[in-house]
């Protein structure tokens, strides 16, 4: 059998945005935990996420600065837990 070695890694970063990634709640690290939450943050039924455009811009800029390939199209599938 022929095998191809594929090595990948996942990176988590904090982008300097004023709002969260999928809702309009503010980001504040000086406030107590869970003081800026809404139905979208907590995944309530019927509360649909709206992507933060500034976060996408920062992510694309970072990818290009690191000489990464950046896809022109992406699809987000929200997970549902019962």
N, C-alpha and C. Protein backbone atom coordinates (compact mmCIF):
# COMPACT_ATOMS: atom_id res chain seq x y z
N UNK A 1 0.83 -1.18 0.00
CA UNK A 1 0.00 0.00 0.00
C UNK A 1 0.88 1.25 0.00
N UNK A 2 0.46 2.21 -0.79
CA UNK A 2 1.15 3.49 -0.79
C UNK A 2 0.41 4.46 0.12
N UNK A 3 1.16 5.14 0.95
CA UNK A 3 0.58 6.12 1.85
C UNK A 3 1.22 7.48 1.60
N UNK A 4 0.41 8.52 1.71
CA UNK A 4 0.91 9.88 1.67
C UNK A 4 0.92 10.42 3.09
N UNK A 5 2.01 10.99 3.49
CA UNK A 5 2.09 11.59 4.81
C UNK A 5 1.55 13.01 4.71
N UNK A 6 0.52 13.29 5.48
CA UNK A 6 -0.07 14.62 5.52
C UNK A 6 -0.01 15.11 6.96
N UNK A 7 0.68 16.20 7.16
CA UNK A 7 0.82 16.76 8.49
C UNK A 7 0.08 18.09 8.53
N UNK A 8 -0.84 18.23 9.46
CA UNK A 8 -1.63 19.44 9.58
C UNK A 8 -1.61 19.92 11.02
N UNK A 9 -1.94 21.17 11.20
CA UNK A 9 -2.10 21.68 12.55
C UNK A 9 -3.21 22.71 12.57
N UNK A 10 -3.82 22.84 13.72
CA UNK A 10 -4.93 23.77 13.90
C UNK A 10 -4.46 24.89 14.81
N UNK A 11 -4.80 26.10 14.44
CA UNK A 11 -4.36 27.26 15.21
C UNK A 11 -5.56 28.06 15.68
N UNK A 12 -5.55 28.45 16.93
CA UNK A 12 -6.60 29.30 17.48
C UNK A 12 -5.99 30.66 17.77
N UNK A 13 -6.63 31.71 17.31
CA UNK A 13 -6.11 33.06 17.51
C UNK A 13 -7.23 33.97 18.00
N UNK A 14 -6.84 35.07 18.60
CA UNK A 14 -7.79 36.12 18.97
C UNK A 14 -7.54 37.29 18.05
N UNK A 15 -8.56 37.67 17.30
CA UNK A 15 -8.45 38.82 16.41
C UNK A 15 -8.92 40.05 17.18
N UNK A 16 -8.31 41.18 16.93
CA UNK A 16 -8.64 42.40 17.66
C UNK A 16 -9.89 43.05 17.08
N UNK A 17 -11.02 42.41 17.32
CA UNK A 17 -12.30 42.96 16.89
C UNK A 17 -13.03 43.48 18.12
N UNK A 18 -13.98 44.37 17.91
CA UNK A 18 -14.77 44.92 19.01
C UNK A 18 -16.01 44.09 19.28
N UNK A 19 -16.37 43.23 18.33
CA UNK A 19 -17.56 42.39 18.45
C UNK A 19 -17.17 40.92 18.30
N UNK A 20 -18.04 40.05 18.78
CA UNK A 20 -17.80 38.61 18.68
C UNK A 20 -17.94 38.15 17.23
N UNK A 21 -17.54 36.92 16.96
CA UNK A 21 -17.50 36.42 15.59
C UNK A 21 -18.87 36.26 14.95
N UNK A 22 -19.86 35.78 15.69
CA UNK A 22 -21.16 35.48 15.09
C UNK A 22 -22.33 36.27 15.65
N UNK A 23 -22.08 37.29 16.46
CA UNK A 23 -23.17 38.12 16.96
C UNK A 23 -22.65 39.54 17.20
N UNK A 24 -23.54 40.40 17.66
CA UNK A 24 -23.18 41.81 17.85
C UNK A 24 -22.76 42.12 19.29
N UNK A 25 -22.58 41.11 20.11
CA UNK A 25 -22.14 41.34 21.50
C UNK A 25 -20.70 41.85 21.51
N UNK A 26 -20.43 42.76 22.44
CA UNK A 26 -19.08 43.32 22.51
C UNK A 26 -18.11 42.32 23.15
N UNK A 27 -16.85 42.48 22.82
CA UNK A 27 -15.79 41.67 23.41
C UNK A 27 -15.13 42.52 24.49
N UNK A 28 -15.16 42.05 25.71
CA UNK A 28 -14.54 42.79 26.81
C UNK A 28 -13.92 41.79 27.78
N UNK A 29 -12.60 41.85 27.91
CA UNK A 29 -11.90 40.92 28.77
C UNK A 29 -11.82 41.41 30.21
N UNK A 30 -12.20 42.67 30.44
CA UNK A 30 -12.17 43.21 31.80
C UNK A 30 -13.47 42.92 32.56
N UNK A 31 -14.52 42.57 31.84
CA UNK A 31 -15.83 42.30 32.44
C UNK A 31 -15.87 40.87 33.01
N UNK A 32 -16.80 40.61 33.92
CA UNK A 32 -16.95 39.24 34.43
C UNK A 32 -17.35 38.27 33.31
N UNK A 33 -17.02 36.99 33.45
CA UNK A 33 -17.39 36.01 32.42
C UNK A 33 -18.90 36.00 32.18
N UNK A 34 -19.28 35.78 30.95
CA UNK A 34 -20.67 35.67 30.51
C UNK A 34 -21.50 36.92 30.77
N UNK A 35 -20.86 38.08 30.83
CA UNK A 35 -21.63 39.32 31.02
C UNK A 35 -22.07 39.92 29.69
N UNK A 36 -21.52 39.46 28.59
CA UNK A 36 -21.91 39.93 27.26
C UNK A 36 -22.36 38.73 26.44
N UNK A 37 -23.60 38.30 26.67
CA UNK A 37 -24.15 37.15 25.94
C UNK A 37 -25.53 37.50 25.40
N UNK A 38 -25.93 36.77 24.39
CA UNK A 38 -27.25 36.97 23.77
C UNK A 38 -27.76 35.61 23.31
N UNK A 39 -28.96 35.53 22.75
CA UNK A 39 -29.47 34.25 22.26
C UNK A 39 -28.58 33.60 21.20
N UNK A 40 -27.89 34.41 20.38
CA UNK A 40 -27.00 33.83 19.37
C UNK A 40 -25.79 33.20 20.05
N UNK A 41 -25.20 33.89 21.03
CA UNK A 41 -24.02 33.37 21.76
C UNK A 41 -24.31 32.02 22.39
N UNK A 42 -25.50 31.89 22.93
CA UNK A 42 -25.84 30.66 23.65
C UNK A 42 -26.51 29.62 22.76
N UNK A 43 -26.63 29.90 21.48
CA UNK A 43 -27.18 28.94 20.53
C UNK A 43 -28.64 28.64 20.72
N UNK A 44 -29.43 29.64 21.08
CA UNK A 44 -30.86 29.43 21.30
C UNK A 44 -31.57 29.13 19.98
N UNK A 45 -32.62 28.32 20.03
CA UNK A 45 -33.37 28.00 18.82
C UNK A 45 -33.91 29.26 18.14
N UNK A 46 -33.75 29.34 16.85
CA UNK A 46 -34.25 30.47 16.09
C UNK A 46 -33.30 31.66 16.03
N UNK A 47 -32.26 31.66 16.83
CA UNK A 47 -31.28 32.75 16.82
C UNK A 47 -30.18 32.41 15.83
N UNK A 48 -30.17 33.10 14.71
CA UNK A 48 -29.23 32.77 13.65
C UNK A 48 -27.98 33.65 13.73
N UNK A 49 -26.82 33.06 13.55
CA UNK A 49 -25.57 33.82 13.60
C UNK A 49 -25.39 34.68 12.35
N UNK A 50 -24.74 35.83 12.54
CA UNK A 50 -24.36 36.71 11.44
C UNK A 50 -22.86 36.94 11.56
N UNK A 51 -22.13 36.60 10.52
CA UNK A 51 -20.68 36.65 10.55
C UNK A 51 -20.15 38.08 10.64
N UNK A 52 -19.17 38.30 11.51
CA UNK A 52 -18.51 39.58 11.69
C UNK A 52 -17.56 39.81 10.51
N UNK A 53 -17.88 40.76 9.65
CA UNK A 53 -17.09 41.00 8.43
C UNK A 53 -15.67 41.45 8.74
N UNK A 54 -15.50 42.21 9.81
CA UNK A 54 -14.16 42.69 10.18
C UNK A 54 -13.27 41.51 10.59
N UNK A 55 -13.83 40.53 11.27
CA UNK A 55 -13.06 39.35 11.66
C UNK A 55 -12.62 38.56 10.43
N UNK A 56 -13.50 38.45 9.43
CA UNK A 56 -13.13 37.76 8.19
C UNK A 56 -12.00 38.52 7.49
N UNK A 57 -12.12 39.84 7.45
CA UNK A 57 -11.07 40.66 6.83
C UNK A 57 -9.73 40.44 7.54
N UNK A 58 -9.74 40.47 8.87
CA UNK A 58 -8.50 40.25 9.62
C UNK A 58 -7.93 38.86 9.37
N UNK A 59 -8.80 37.85 9.30
CA UNK A 59 -8.34 36.48 9.07
C UNK A 59 -7.72 36.33 7.68
N UNK A 60 -8.34 36.92 6.67
CA UNK A 60 -7.81 36.84 5.31
C UNK A 60 -6.48 37.58 5.23
N UNK A 61 -6.40 38.75 5.84
CA UNK A 61 -5.14 39.51 5.84
C UNK A 61 -4.02 38.71 6.50
N UNK A 62 -4.34 38.07 7.62
CA UNK A 62 -3.34 37.26 8.32
C UNK A 62 -2.88 36.11 7.44
N UNK A 63 -3.82 35.42 6.81
CA UNK A 63 -3.48 34.32 5.92
C UNK A 63 -2.60 34.75 4.78
N UNK A 64 -2.91 35.87 4.17
CA UNK A 64 -2.10 36.38 3.06
C UNK A 64 -0.72 36.81 3.54
N UNK A 65 -0.64 37.42 4.72
CA UNK A 65 0.65 37.84 5.26
C UNK A 65 1.55 36.64 5.56
N UNK A 66 0.94 35.50 5.89
CA UNK A 66 1.69 34.28 6.19
C UNK A 66 1.89 33.42 4.95
N UNK A 67 1.54 33.94 3.78
CA UNK A 67 1.68 33.26 2.50
C UNK A 67 0.87 31.96 2.45
N UNK A 68 -0.30 32.00 3.04
CA UNK A 68 -1.20 30.85 3.01
C UNK A 68 -2.12 30.96 1.80
N UNK A 69 -2.70 29.85 1.41
CA UNK A 69 -3.71 29.90 0.36
C UNK A 69 -5.05 30.20 1.04
N UNK A 70 -5.78 31.15 0.49
CA UNK A 70 -7.06 31.57 1.07
C UNK A 70 -8.14 31.27 0.04
N UNK A 71 -9.12 30.47 0.43
CA UNK A 71 -10.22 30.13 -0.48
C UNK A 71 -11.11 31.34 -0.72
N UNK A 72 -11.60 31.47 -1.94
CA UNK A 72 -12.50 32.57 -2.27
C UNK A 72 -13.91 32.31 -1.74
N UNK A 73 -14.27 31.05 -1.58
CA UNK A 73 -15.60 30.69 -1.09
C UNK A 73 -15.46 29.74 0.09
N UNK A 74 -16.34 29.90 1.05
CA UNK A 74 -16.35 29.04 2.22
C UNK A 74 -17.79 28.81 2.63
N UNK A 75 -18.04 27.69 3.29
CA UNK A 75 -19.39 27.38 3.76
C UNK A 75 -19.33 27.08 5.24
N UNK A 76 -20.23 27.67 5.98
CA UNK A 76 -20.31 27.45 7.43
C UNK A 76 -21.54 26.62 7.72
N UNK A 77 -21.36 25.50 8.38
CA UNK A 77 -22.48 24.66 8.78
C UNK A 77 -22.59 24.70 10.29
N UNK A 78 -23.68 25.26 10.77
CA UNK A 78 -23.88 25.37 12.22
C UNK A 78 -24.21 24.01 12.80
N UNK A 79 -23.54 23.68 13.89
CA UNK A 79 -23.80 22.41 14.56
C UNK A 79 -25.03 22.56 15.46
N UNK A 80 -25.82 21.53 15.51
CA UNK A 80 -26.99 21.54 16.38
C UNK A 80 -26.84 20.38 17.37
N UNK A 81 -26.95 20.70 18.63
CA UNK A 81 -26.86 19.69 19.69
C UNK A 81 -28.22 19.56 20.36
N UNK A 82 -28.66 18.32 20.54
CA UNK A 82 -29.96 18.10 21.17
C UNK A 82 -29.76 17.51 22.55
